[in-house]
Amino acid sequence: MPKSFKEFVQEARESGIPEIDAKTLKEKMERGDRFVLIDVRDTEDRENGTIPGAIHLSKGKLELKIADEISDPKEEIVLHCGGGSRSLLAAKSLREMGYENVTSLAGGYRGWKELQ
């Protein structure tokens, strides 16, 4: 029997992918921490707003295009989507590709927007 989306996301969460909240992301940005913020939402999702400084690499193209943006597998990467599920799945995928320092934004853009 196929897994549901919810089960698939829970499995990714249980795999040890770290998550941060919007407040922690904002603090990292304010301190000037070095990391790459990637928005994995589709283009139409971004019409409602974006997090400043985020690179757009939709989840559908992430694995294909990530090496064009980040060649160092140790580079810190924070992924975000709308609510935190797609970015968690994307983070798991990047980990499997060998990127070592990947985090997902829990709550996604909605959490970020609520913080503002």
PDB file of N, CA and C in Angstrom:
ATOM      1  N   MET A   1       0.841  -1.184   0.000  1.00  0.00           N
ATOM      2  CA  MET A   1       0.000   0.000   0.000  1.00  0.00           C
ATOM      3  C   MET A   1       0.888   1.250   0.000  1.00  0.00           C
ATOM      4  N   PRO A   2       0.584   2.224  -0.856  1.00  0.00           N
ATOM      5  CA  PRO A   2       1.393   3.445  -0.902  1.00  0.00           C
ATOM      6  C   PRO A   2       1.273   4.256   0.382  1.00  0.00           C
ATOM      7  N   LYS A   3       2.329   5.006   0.654  1.00  0.00           N
ATOM      8  CA  LYS A   3       2.332   5.900   1.817  1.00  0.00           C
ATOM      9  C   LYS A   3       1.560   7.164   1.475  1.00  0.00           C
ATOM     10  N   SER A   4       0.917   7.732   2.473  1.00  0.00           N
ATOM     11  CA  SER A   4       0.282   9.029   2.297  1.00  0.00           C
ATOM     12  C   SER A   4       1.355  10.115   2.358  1.00  0.00           C
ATOM     13  N   PHE A   5       1.013  11.298   1.884  1.00  0.00           N
ATOM     14  CA  PHE A   5       1.938  12.429   1.960  1.00  0.00           C
ATOM     15  C   PHE A   5       2.347  12.676   3.404  1.00  0.00           C
ATOM     16  N   LYS A   6       1.366  12.628   4.299  1.00  0.00           N
ATOM     17  CA  LYS A   6       1.626  12.860   5.719  1.00  0.00           C
ATOM     18  C   LYS A   6       2.616  11.831   6.273  1.00  0.00           C
ATOM     19  N   GLU A   7       2.453  10.573   5.890  1.00  0.00           N
ATOM     20  CA  GLU A   7       3.380   9.517   6.337  1.00  0.00           C
ATOM     21  C   GLU A   7       4.773   9.745   5.772  1.00  0.00           C
ATOM     22  N   PHE A   8       4.829  10.164   4.513  1.00  0.00           N
ATOM     23  CA  PHE A   8       6.100  10.416   3.854  1.00  0.00           C
ATOM     24  C   PHE A   8       6.854  11.554   4.553  1.00  0.00           C
ATOM     25  N   VAL A   9       6.126  12.612   4.908  1.00  0.00           N
ATOM     26  CA  VAL A   9       6.727  13.750   5.615  1.00  0.00           C
ATOM     27  C   VAL A   9       7.186  13.324   7.005  1.00  0.00           C
ATOM     28  N   GLN A  10       6.375  12.560   7.703  1.00  0.00           N
ATOM     29  CA  GLN A  10       6.742  12.094   9.038  1.00  0.00           C
ATOM     30  C   GLN A  10       8.003  11.238   8.989  1.00  0.00           C
ATOM     31  N   GLU A  11       8.110  10.418   7.971  1.00  0.00           N
ATOM     32  CA  GLU A  11       9.306   9.591   7.790  1.00  0.00           C
ATOM     33  C   GLU A  11      10.544  10.478   7.596  1.00  0.00           C
ATOM     34  N   ALA A  12      10.397  11.543   6.823  1.00  0.00           N
ATOM     35  CA  ALA A  12      11.512  12.481   6.620  1.00  0.00           C
ATOM     36  C   ALA A  12      11.882  13.148   7.940  1.00  0.00           C
ATOM     37  N   ARG A  13      10.874  13.544   8.713  1.00  0.00           N
ATOM     38  CA  ARG A  13      11.125  14.185  10.006  1.00  0.00           C
ATOM     39  C   ARG A  13      11.881  13.227  10.929  1.00  0.00           C
ATOM     40  N   GLU A  14      11.467  11.973  10.924  1.00  0.00           N
ATOM     41  CA  GLU A  14      12.094  10.971  11.795  1.00  0.00           C
ATOM     42  C   GLU A  14      13.485  10.563  11.319  1.00  0.00           C
ATOM     43  N   SER A  15      13.847  10.922  10.094  1.00  0.00           N
ATOM     44  CA  SER A  15      15.168  10.577   9.567  1.00  0.00           C
ATOM     45  C   SER A  15      16.264  11.469  10.133  1.00  0.00           C
ATOM     46  N   GLY A  16      15.869  12.478  10.910  1.00  0.00           N
ATOM     47  CA  GLY A  16      16.875  13.322  11.554  1.00  0.00           C
ATOM     48  C   GLY A  16      17.161  14.635  10.850  1.00  0.00           C
ATOM     49  N   ILE A  17      16.341  15.004   9.890  1.00  0.00           N
ATOM     50  CA  ILE A  17      16.530  16.303   9.227  1.00  0.00           C
ATOM     51  C   ILE A  17      16.240  17.395  10.264  1.00  0.00           C
ATOM     52  N   PRO A  18      17.194  18.263  10.529  1.00  0.00           N
ATOM     53  CA  PRO A  18      16.945  19.324  11.506  1.00  0.00           C
ATOM     54  C   PRO A  18      15.976  20.368  10.958  1.00  0.00           C
ATOM     55  N   GLU A  19      15.212  20.952  11.870  1.00  0.00           N
ATOM     56  CA  GLU A  19      14.284  22.021  11.522  1.00  0.00           C
ATOM     57  C   GLU A  19      14.560  23.213  12.431  1.00  0.00           C
ATOM     58  N   ILE A  20      14.372  24.400  11.882  1.00  0.00           N
ATOM     59  CA  ILE A  20      14.449  25.614  12.685  1.00  0.00           C
ATOM     60  C   ILE A  20      13.129  26.356  12.519  1.00  0.00           C
ATOM     61  N   ASP A  21      12.836  27.246  13.453  1.00  0.00           N
ATOM     62  CA  ASP A  21      11.614  28.038  13.328  1.00  0.00           C
ATOM     63  C   ASP A  21      11.948  29.399  12.723  1.00  0.00           C
ATOM     64  N   ALA A  22      10.910  30.151  12.402  1.00  0.00           N
ATOM     65  CA  ALA A  22      11.084  31.451  11.745  1.00  0.00           C
ATOM     66  C   ALA A  22      11.881  32.426  12.606  1.00  0.00           C
ATOM     67  N   LYS A  23      11.664  32.380  13.910  1.00  0.00           N
ATOM     68  CA  LYS A  23      12.397  33.287  14.807  1.00  0.00           C
ATOM     69  C   LYS A  23      13.897  33.016  14.736  1.00  0.00           C
ATOM     70  N   THR A  24      14.269  31.748  14.732  1.00  0.00           N
ATOM     71  CA  THR A  24      15.691  31.383  14.647  1.00  0.00           C
ATOM     72  C   THR A  24      16.273  31.792  13.302  1.00  0.00           C
ATOM     73  N   LEU A  25      15.500  31.596  12.224  1.00  0.00           N
ATOM     74  CA  LEU A  25      15.970  32.030  10.906  1.00  0.00           C
ATOM     75  C   LEU A  25      16.197  33.538  10.884  1.00  0.00           C
ATOM     76  N   LYS A  26      15.253  34.286  11.420  1.00  0.00           N
ATOM     77  CA  LYS A  26      15.388  35.749  11.443  1.00  0.00           C
ATOM     78  C   LYS A  26      16.628  36.161  12.232  1.00  0.00           C
ATOM     79  N   GLU A  27      16.878  35.507  13.355  1.00  0.00           N
ATOM     80  CA  GLU A  27      18.073  35.808  14.157  1.00  0.00           C
ATOM     81  C   GLU A  27      19.346  35.514  13.373  1.00  0.00           C
ATOM     82  N   LYS A  28      19.367  34.404  12.652  1.00  0.00           N
ATOM     83  CA  LYS A  28      20.532  34.062  11.818  1.00  0.00           C
ATOM     84  C   LYS A  28      20.770  35.146  10.771  1.00  0.00           C
ATOM     85  N   MET A  29      19.684  35.613  10.174  1.00  0.00           N
ATOM     86  CA  MET A  29      19.795  36.644   9.151  1.00  0.00           C
ATOM     87  C   MET A  29      20.294  37.952   9.756  1.00  0.00           C
ATOM     88  N   GLU A  30      19.756  38.321  10.914  1.00  0.00           N
ATOM     89  CA  GLU A  30      20.159  39.569  11.564  1.00  0.00           C
ATOM     90  C   GLU A  30      21.611  39.537  12.011  1.00  0.00           C
ATOM     91  N   ARG A  31      22.101  38.371  12.424  1.00  0.00           N
ATOM     92  CA  ARG A  31      23.512  38.239  12.827  1.00  0.00           C
ATOM     93  C   ARG A  31      24.447  38.229  11.625  1.00  0.00           C
ATOM     94  N   GLY A  32      23.895  37.991  10.454  1.00  0.00           N
ATOM     95  CA  GLY A  32      24.728  37.908   9.260  1.00  0.00           C
ATOM     96  C   GLY A  32      25.393  36.553   9.101  1.00  0.00           C
ATOM     97  N   ASP A  33      24.797  35.521   9.699  1.00  0.00           N
ATOM     98  CA  ASP A  33      25.340  34.168   9.548  1.00  0.00           C
ATOM     99  C   ASP A  33      25.419  33.822   8.062  1.00  0.00           C
ATOM    100  N   ARG A  34      26.425  33.045   7.734  1.00  0.00           N
ATOM    101  CA  ARG A  34      26.619  32.619   6.339  1.00  0.00           C
ATOM    102  C   ARG A  34      25.832  31.330   6.091  1.00  0.00           C
ATOM    103  N   PHE A  35      24.863  31.398   5.207  1.00  0.00           N
ATOM    104  CA  PHE A  35      24.091  30.232   4.787  1.00  0.00           C
ATOM    105  C   PHE A  35      23.344  30.601   3.509  1.00  0.00           C
ATOM    106  N   VAL A  36      22.860  29.583   2.821  1.00  0.00           N
ATOM    107  CA  VAL A  36      22.084  29.792   1.609  1.00  0.00           C
ATOM    108  C   VAL A  36      20.637  29.441   1.925  1.00  0.00           C
ATOM    109  N   LEU A  37      19.741  30.395   1.685  1.00  0.00           N
ATOM    110  CA  LEU A  37      18.315  30.190   1.895  1.00  0.00           C
ATOM    111  C   LEU A  37      17.681  29.876   0.548  1.00  0.00           C
ATOM    112  N   ILE A  38      16.999  28.745   0.463  1.00  0.00           N
ATOM    113  CA  ILE A  38      16.387  28.317  -0.799  1.00  0.00           C
ATOM    114  C   ILE A  38      14.892  28.130  -0.612  1.00  0.00           C
ATOM    115  N   ASP A  39      14.136  28.782  -1.476  1.00  0.00           N
ATOM    116  CA  ASP A  39      12.679  28.674  -1.517  1.00  0.00           C
ATOM    117  C   ASP A  39      12.341  27.572  -2.517  1.00  0.00           C
ATOM    118  N   VAL A  40      11.771  26.465  -2.037  1.00  0.00           N
ATOM    119  CA  VAL A  40      11.471  25.327  -2.912  1.00  0.00           C
ATOM    120  C   VAL A  40      10.030  25.342  -3.427  1.00  0.00           C
ATOM    121  N   ARG A  41       9.301  26.443  -3.164  1.00  0.00           N
ATOM    122  CA  ARG A  41       7.920  26.534  -3.642  1.00  0.00           C
ATOM    123  C   ARG A  41       7.895  26.714  -5.159  1.00  0.00           C
ATOM    124  N   ASP A  42       6.738  26.385  -5.742  1.00  0.00           N
ATOM    125  CA  ASP A  42       6.521  26.638  -7.159  1.00  0.00           C
ATOM    126  C   ASP A  42       6.386  28.149  -7.379  1.00  0.00           C
ATOM    127  N   THR A  43       6.597  28.581  -8.602  1.00  0.00           N
ATOM    128  CA  THR A  43       6.558  30.003  -8.938  1.00  0.00           C
ATOM    129  C   THR A  43       5.256  30.662  -8.510  1.00  0.00           C
ATOM    130  N   GLU A  44       4.123  30.020  -8.768  1.00  0.00           N
ATOM    131  CA  GLU A  44       2.836  30.638  -8.419  1.00  0.00           C
ATOM    132  C   GLU A  44       2.669  30.798  -6.910  1.00  0.00           C
ATOM    133  N   ASP A  45       3.294  29.934  -6.115  1.00  0.00           N
ATOM    134  CA  ASP A  45       3.232  30.059  -4.657  1.00  0.00           C
ATOM    135  C   ASP A  45       3.968  31.305  -4.170  1.00  0.00           C
ATOM    136  N   ARG A  46       4.964  31.725  -4.912  1.00  0.00           N
ATOM    137  CA  ARG A  46       5.785  32.863  -4.510  1.00  0.00           C
ATOM    138  C   ARG A  46       5.090  34.207  -4.743  1.00  0.00           C
ATOM    139  N   GLU A  47       3.965  34.182  -5.448  1.00  0.00           N
ATOM    140  CA  GLU A  47       3.236  35.420  -5.713  1.00  0.00           C
ATOM    141  C   GLU A  47       2.711  36.062  -4.432  1.00  0.00           C
ATOM    142  N   ASN A  48       2.568  35.284  -3.380  1.00  0.00           N
ATOM    143  CA  ASN A  48       2.079  35.804  -2.094  1.00  0.00           C
ATOM    144  C   ASN A  48       3.192  36.395  -1.243  1.00  0.00           C
ATOM    145  N   GLY A  49       4.416  36.348  -1.726  1.00  0.00           N
ATOM    146  CA  GLY A  49       5.536  36.914  -0.995  1.00  0.00           C
ATOM    147  C   GLY A  49       6.694  35.945  -0.883  1.00  0.00           C
ATOM    148  N   THR A  50       7.838  36.488  -0.510  1.00  0.00           N
ATOM    149  CA  THR A  50       9.055  35.692  -0.366  1.00  0.00           C
ATOM    150  C   THR A  50       9.830  36.154   0.871  1.00  0.00           C
ATOM    151  N   ILE A  51      10.729  35.312   1.305  1.00  0.00           N
ATOM    152  CA  ILE A  51      11.642  35.690   2.386  1.00  0.00           C
ATOM    153  C   ILE A  51      12.837  36.388   1.735  1.00  0.00           C
ATOM    154  N   PRO A  52      13.200  37.568   2.212  1.00  0.00           N
ATOM    155  CA  PRO A  52      14.312  38.303   1.597  1.00  0.00           C
ATOM    156  C   PRO A  52      15.586  37.456   1.507  1.00  0.00           C
ATOM    157  N   GLY A  53      16.213  37.508   0.348  1.00  0.00           N
ATOM    158  CA  GLY A  53      17.481  36.824   0.135  1.00  0.00           C
ATOM    159  C   GLY A  53      17.366  35.373  -0.304  1.00  0.00           C
ATOM    160  N   ALA A  54      16.147  34.847  -0.377  1.00  0.00           N
ATOM    161  CA  ALA A  54      15.984  33.438  -0.760  1.00  0.00           C
ATOM    162  C   ALA A  54      16.202  33.252  -2.258  1.00  0.00           C
ATOM    163  N   ILE A  55      16.912  32.196  -2.589  1.00  0.00           N
ATOM    164  CA  ILE A  55      17.085  31.762  -3.973  1.00  0.00           C
ATOM    165  C   ILE A  55      15.890  30.881  -4.305  1.00  0.00           C
ATOM    166  N   HIS A  56      15.353  31.013  -5.493  1.00  0.00           N
ATOM    167  CA  HIS A  56      14.230  30.167  -5.886  1.00  0.00           C
ATOM    168  C   HIS A  56      14.720  28.957  -6.672  1.00  0.00           C
ATOM    169  N   LEU A  57      14.530  27.781  -6.104  1.00  0.00           N
ATOM    170  CA  LEU A  57      14.772  26.503  -6.784  1.00  0.00           C
ATOM    171  C   LEU A  57      13.604  25.605  -6.406  1.00  0.00           C
ATOM    172  N   SER A  58      12.619  25.530  -7.257  1.00  0.00           N
ATOM    173  CA  SER A  58      11.431  24.745  -6.913  1.00  0.00           C
ATOM    174  C   SER A  58      11.813  23.295  -6.629  1.00  0.00           C
ATOM    175  N   LYS A  59      11.030  22.667  -5.786  1.00  0.00           N
ATOM    176  CA  LYS A  59      11.292  21.279  -5.408  1.00  0.00           C
ATOM    177  C   LYS A  59      11.422  20.388  -6.641  1.00  0.00           C
ATOM    178  N   GLY A  60      10.678  20.692  -7.682  1.00  0.00           N
ATOM    179  CA  GLY A  60      10.730  19.894  -8.901  1.00  0.00           C
ATOM    180  C   GLY A  60      12.050  20.001  -9.651  1.00  0.00           C
ATOM    181  N   LYS A  61      12.819  21.053  -9.406  1.00  0.00           N
ATOM    182  CA  LYS A  61      14.091  21.243 -10.110  1.00  0.00           C
ATOM    183  C   LYS A  61      15.295  21.235  -9.170  1.00  0.00           C
ATOM    184  N   LEU A  62      15.054  21.090  -7.898  1.00  0.00           N
ATOM    185  CA  LEU A  62      16.115  21.234  -6.903  1.00  0.00           C
ATOM    186  C   LEU A  62      17.291  20.298  -7.154  1.00  0.00           C
ATOM    187  N   GLU A  63      17.015  19.019  -7.272  1.00  0.00           N
ATOM    188  CA  GLU A  63      18.104  18.053  -7.437  1.00  0.00           C
ATOM    189  C   GLU A  63      18.877  18.290  -8.733  1.00  0.00           C
ATOM    190  N   LEU A  64      18.184  18.754  -9.759  1.00  0.00           N
ATOM    191  CA  LEU A  64      18.812  19.011 -11.055  1.00  0.00           C
ATOM    192  C   LEU A  64      19.705  20.253 -11.023  1.00  0.00           C
ATOM    193  N   LYS A  65      19.287  21.286 -10.284  1.00  0.00           N
ATOM    194  CA  LYS A  65      19.959  22.589 -10.335  1.00  0.00           C
ATOM    195  C   LYS A  65      20.819  22.926  -9.112  1.00  0.00           C
ATOM    196  N   ILE A  66      20.747  22.138  -8.047  1.00  0.00           N
ATOM    197  CA  ILE A  66      21.435  22.514  -6.807  1.00  0.00           C
ATOM    198  C   ILE A  66      22.935  22.709  -7.001  1.00  0.00           C
ATOM    199  N   ALA A  67      23.577  21.879  -7.797  1.00  0.00           N
ATOM    200  CA  ALA A  67      25.031  21.996  -7.991  1.00  0.00           C
ATOM    201  C   ALA A  67      25.404  23.300  -8.690  1.00  0.00           C
ATOM    202  N   ASP A  68      24.482  23.879  -9.460  1.00  0.00           N
ATOM    203  CA  ASP A  68      24.745  25.179 -10.101  1.00  0.00           C
ATOM    204  C   ASP A  68      24.817  26.299  -9.067  1.00  0.00           C
ATOM    205  N   GLU A  69      24.110  26.132  -7.960  1.00  0.00           N
ATOM    206  CA  GLU A  69      24.058  27.155  -6.910  1.00  0.00           C
ATOM    207  C   GLU A  69      25.044  26.885  -5.777  1.00  0.00           C
ATOM    208  N   ILE A  70      25.200  25.604  -5.422  1.00  0.00           N
ATOM    209  CA  ILE A  70      26.020  25.247  -4.262  1.00  0.00           C
ATOM    210  C   ILE A  70      26.903  24.056  -4.624  1.00  0.00           C
ATOM    211  N   SER A  71      28.199  24.300  -4.704  1.00  0.00           N
ATOM    212  CA  SER A  71      29.122  23.215  -5.059  1.00  0.00           C
ATOM    213  C   SER A  71      29.745  22.565  -3.823  1.00  0.00           C
ATOM    214  N   ASP A  72      29.767  23.285  -2.718  1.00  0.00           N
ATOM    215  CA  ASP A  72      30.374  22.764  -1.491  1.00  0.00           C
ATOM    216  C   ASP A  72      29.332  21.984  -0.690  1.00  0.00           C
ATOM    217  N   PRO A  73      29.497  20.672  -0.535  1.00  0.00           N
ATOM    218  CA  PRO A  73      28.511  19.873   0.189  1.00  0.00           C
ATOM    219  C   PRO A  73      28.435  20.189   1.684  1.00  0.00           C
ATOM    220  N   LYS A  74      29.383  20.990   2.186  1.00  0.00           N
ATOM    221  CA  LYS A  74      29.382  21.360   3.598  1.00  0.00           C
ATOM    222  C   LYS A  74      28.700  22.717   3.844  1.00  0.00           C
ATOM    223  N   GLU A  75      28.378  23.425   2.773  1.00  0.00           N
ATOM    224  CA  GLU A  75      27.727  24.733   2.884  1.00  0.00           C
ATOM    225  C   GLU A  75      26.414  24.596   3.657  1.00  0.00           C
ATOM    226  N   GLU A  76      26.146  25.558   4.541  1.00  0.00           N
ATOM    227  CA  GLU A  76      24.889  25.524   5.278  1.00  0.00           C
ATOM    228  C   GLU A  76      23.751  25.955   4.361  1.00  0.00           C
ATOM    229  N   ILE A  77      22.706  25.134   4.323  1.00  0.00           N
ATOM    230  CA  ILE A  77      21.541  25.384   3.483  1.00  0.00           C
ATOM    231  C   ILE A  77      20.295  25.350   4.362  1.00  0.00           C
ATOM    232  N   VAL A  78      19.438  26.356   4.206  1.00  0.00           N
ATOM    233  CA  VAL A  78      18.133  26.360   4.857  1.00  0.00           C
ATOM    234  C   VAL A  78      17.099  26.372   3.741  1.00  0.00           C
ATOM    235  N   LEU A  79      16.221  25.382   3.745  1.00  0.00           N
ATOM    236  CA  LEU A  79      15.166  25.275   2.745  1.00  0.00           C
ATOM    237  C   LEU A  79      13.841  25.714   3.345  1.00  0.00           C
ATOM    238  N   HIS A  80      13.012  26.362   2.524  1.00  0.00           N
ATOM    239  CA  HIS A  80      11.664  26.679   3.000  1.00  0.00           C
ATOM    240  C   HIS A  80      10.651  26.495   1.884  1.00  0.00           C
ATOM    241  N   CYS A  81       9.434  26.209   2.285  1.00  0.00           N
ATOM    242  CA  CYS A  81       8.299  26.104   1.368  1.00  0.00           C
ATOM    243  C   CYS A  81       7.168  26.914   1.985  1.00  0.00           C
ATOM    244  N   GLY A  82       5.938  26.542   1.736  1.00  0.00           N
ATOM    245  CA  GLY A  82       4.813  27.283   2.285  1.00  0.00           C
ATOM    246  C   GLY A  82       4.535  26.966   3.733  1.00  0.00           C
ATOM    247  N   GLY A  83       4.615  25.676   4.098  1.00  0.00           N
ATOM    248  CA  GLY A  83       4.261  25.265   5.457  1.00  0.00           C
ATOM    249  C   GLY A  83       5.274  24.387   6.156  1.00  0.00           C
ATOM    250  N   GLY A  84       6.312  23.960   5.471  1.00  0.00           N
ATOM    251  CA  GLY A  84       7.366  23.178   6.100  1.00  0.00           C
ATOM    252  C   GLY A  84       7.452  21.726   5.681  1.00  0.00           C
ATOM    253  N   SER A  85       6.475  21.233   4.940  1.00  0.00           N
ATOM    254  CA  SER A  85       6.500  19.816   4.542  1.00  0.00           C
ATOM    255  C   SER A  85       7.367  19.569   3.314  1.00  0.00           C
ATOM    256  N   ARG A  86       7.147  20.341   2.260  1.00  0.00           N
ATOM    257  CA  ARG A  86       7.943  20.140   1.038  1.00  0.00           C
ATOM    258  C   ARG A  86       9.416  20.416   1.285  1.00  0.00           C
ATOM    259  N   SER A  87       9.711  21.409   2.118  1.00  0.00           N
ATOM    260  CA  SER A  87      11.122  21.708   2.396  1.00  0.00           C
ATOM    261  C   SER A  87      11.771  20.582   3.188  1.00  0.00           C
ATOM    262  N   LEU A  88      11.008  19.923   4.039  1.00  0.00           N
ATOM    263  CA  LEU A  88      11.536  18.786   4.786  1.00  0.00           C
ATOM    264  C   LEU A  88      11.874  17.645   3.827  1.00  0.00           C
ATOM    265  N   LEU A  89      10.981  17.365   2.895  1.00  0.00           N
ATOM    266  CA  LEU A  89      11.239  16.326   1.891  1.00  0.00           C
ATOM    267  C   LEU A  89      12.425  16.704   1.008  1.00  0.00           C
ATOM    268  N   ALA A  90      12.507  17.973   0.634  1.00  0.00           N
ATOM    269  CA  ALA A  90      13.621  18.440  -0.189  1.00  0.00           C
ATOM    270  C   ALA A  90      14.945  18.331   0.569  1.00  0.00           C
ATOM    271  N   ALA A  91      14.925  18.640   1.858  1.00  0.00           N
ATOM    272  CA  ALA A  91      16.133  18.534   2.680  1.00  0.00           C
ATOM    273  C   ALA A  91      16.606  17.082   2.750  1.00  0.00           C
ATOM    274  N   LYS A  92      15.678  16.170   2.898  1.00  0.00           N
ATOM    275  CA  LYS A  92      16.033  14.744   2.920  1.00  0.00           C
ATOM    276  C   LYS A  92      16.688  14.337   1.602  1.00  0.00           C
ATOM    277  N   SER A  93      16.149  14.828   0.514  1.00  0.00           N
ATOM    278  CA  SER A  93      16.703  14.526  -0.800  1.00  0.00           C
ATOM    279  C   SER A  93      18.126  15.072  -0.942  1.00  0.00           C
ATOM    280  N   LEU A  94      18.347  16.320  -0.507  1.00  0.00           N
ATOM    281  CA  LEU A  94      19.701  16.891  -0.591  1.00  0.00           C
ATOM    282  C   LEU A  94      20.674  16.138   0.296  1.00  0.00           C
ATOM    283  N   ARG A  95      20.225  15.717   1.464  1.00  0.00           N
ATOM    284  CA  ARG A  95      21.075  14.905   2.335  1.00  0.00           C
ATOM    285  C   ARG A  95      21.500  13.627   1.619  1.00  0.00           C
ATOM    286  N   GLU A  96      20.554  12.998   0.943  1.00  0.00           N
ATOM    287  CA  GLU A  96      20.847  11.764   0.211  1.00  0.00           C
ATOM    288  C   GLU A  96      21.808  12.013  -0.942  1.00  0.00           C
ATOM    289  N   MET A  97      21.834  13.247  -1.456  1.00  0.00           N
ATOM    290  CA  MET A  97      22.760  13.615  -2.525  1.00  0.00           C
ATOM    291  C   MET A  97      24.145  13.968  -1.993  1.00  0.00           C
ATOM    292  N   GLY A  98      24.292  14.048  -0.664  1.00  0.00           N
ATOM    293  CA  GLY A  98      25.601  14.323  -0.088  1.00  0.00           C
ATOM    294  C   GLY A  98      25.770  15.697   0.531  1.00  0.00           C
ATOM    295  N   TYR A  99      24.741  16.531   0.511  1.00  0.00           N
ATOM    296  CA  TYR A  99      24.823  17.827   1.188  1.00  0.00           C
ATOM    297  C   TYR A  99      24.647  17.573   2.682  1.00  0.00           C
ATOM    298  N   GLU A 100      25.624  18.027   3.463  1.00  0.00           N
ATOM    299  CA  GLU A 100      25.726  17.619   4.866  1.00  0.00           C
ATOM    300  C   GLU A 100      25.032  18.544   5.858  1.00  0.00           C
ATOM    301  N   ASN A 101      24.821  19.791   5.492  1.00  0.00           N
ATOM    302  CA  ASN A 101      24.366  20.790   6.450  1.00  0.00           C
ATOM    303  C   ASN A 101      23.062  21.433   5.966  1.00  0.00           C
ATOM    304  N   VAL A 102      22.015  20.621   5.910  1.00  0.00           N
ATOM    305  CA  VAL A 102      20.734  21.055   5.361  1.00  0.00           C
ATOM    306  C   VAL A 102      19.680  21.084   6.462  1.00  0.00           C
ATOM    307  N   THR A 103      18.948  22.184   6.520  1.00  0.00           N
ATOM    308  CA  THR A 103      17.905  22.395   7.521  1.00  0.00           C
ATOM    309  C   THR A 103      16.620  22.803   6.814  1.00  0.00           C
ATOM    310  N   SER A 104      15.493  22.461   7.419  1.00  0.00           N
ATOM    311  CA  SER A 104      14.189  22.854   6.895  1.00  0.00           C
ATOM    312  C   SER A 104      13.557  23.875   7.838  1.00  0.00           C
ATOM    313  N   LEU A 105      12.887  24.856   7.251  1.00  0.00           N
ATOM    314  CA  LEU A 105      12.188  25.866   8.043  1.00  0.00           C
ATOM    315  C   LEU A 105      10.819  25.326   8.449  1.00  0.00           C
ATOM    316  N   ALA A 106      10.663  24.984   9.717  1.00  0.00           N
ATOM    317  CA  ALA A 106       9.378  24.519  10.237  1.00  0.00           C
ATOM    318  C   ALA A 106       8.367  25.650  10.127  1.00  0.00           C
ATOM    319  N   GLY A 107       7.207  25.362   9.615  1.00  0.00           N
ATOM    320  CA  GLY A 107       6.189  26.401   9.443  1.00  0.00           C
ATOM    321  C   GLY A 107       6.301  27.149   8.133  1.00  0.00           C
ATOM    322  N   GLY A 108       7.433  27.007   7.452  1.00  0.00           N
ATOM    323  CA  GLY A 108       7.632  27.592   6.141  1.00  0.00           C
ATOM    324  C   GLY A 108       7.376  29.083   6.055  1.00  0.00           C
ATOM    325  N   TYR A 109       6.975  29.511   4.864  1.00  0.00           N
ATOM    326  CA  TYR A 109       6.726  30.934   4.642  1.00  0.00           C
ATOM    327  C   TYR A 109       5.582  31.441   5.521  1.00  0.00           C
ATOM    328  N   ARG A 110       4.578  30.606   5.771  1.00  0.00           N
ATOM    329  CA  ARG A 110       3.482  31.039   6.635  1.00  0.00           C
ATOM    330  C   ARG A 110       3.997  31.397   8.022  1.00  0.00           C
ATOM    331  N   GLY A 111       4.895  30.585   8.566  1.00  0.00           N
ATOM    332  CA  GLY A 111       5.495  30.886   9.868  1.00  0.00           C
ATOM    333  C   GLY A 111       6.301  32.173   9.823  1.00  0.00           C
ATOM    334  N   TRP A 112       7.030  32.375   8.734  1.00  0.00           N
ATOM    335  CA  TRP A 112       7.818  33.604   8.561  1.00  0.00           C
ATOM    336  C   TRP A 112       6.894  34.823   8.535  1.00  0.00           C
ATOM    337  N   LYS A 113       5.818  34.718   7.760  1.00  0.00           N
ATOM    338  CA  LYS A 113       4.883  35.829   7.612  1.00  0.00           C
ATOM    339  C   LYS A 113       4.224  36.182   8.942  1.00  0.00           C
ATOM    340  N   GLU A 114       3.889  35.181   9.748  1.00  0.00           N
ATOM    341  CA  GLU A 114       3.287  35.414  11.044  1.00  0.00           C
ATOM    342  C   GLU A 114       4.228  36.154  11.979  1.00  0.00           C
ATOM    343  N   LEU A 115       5.526  35.936  11.804  1.00  0.00           N
ATOM    344  CA  LEU A 115       6.544  36.559  12.649  1.00  0.00           C
ATOM    345  C   LEU A 115       6.694  38.052  12.341  1.00  0.00           C
ATOM    346  N   GLN A 116       6.407  38.424  11.131  1.00  0.00           N
ATOM    347  CA  GLN A 116       6.614  39.807  10.691  1.00  0.00           C
ATOM    348  C   GLN A 116       5.591  40.753  11.273  1.00  0.00           C
TER     349      GLN A 116
END
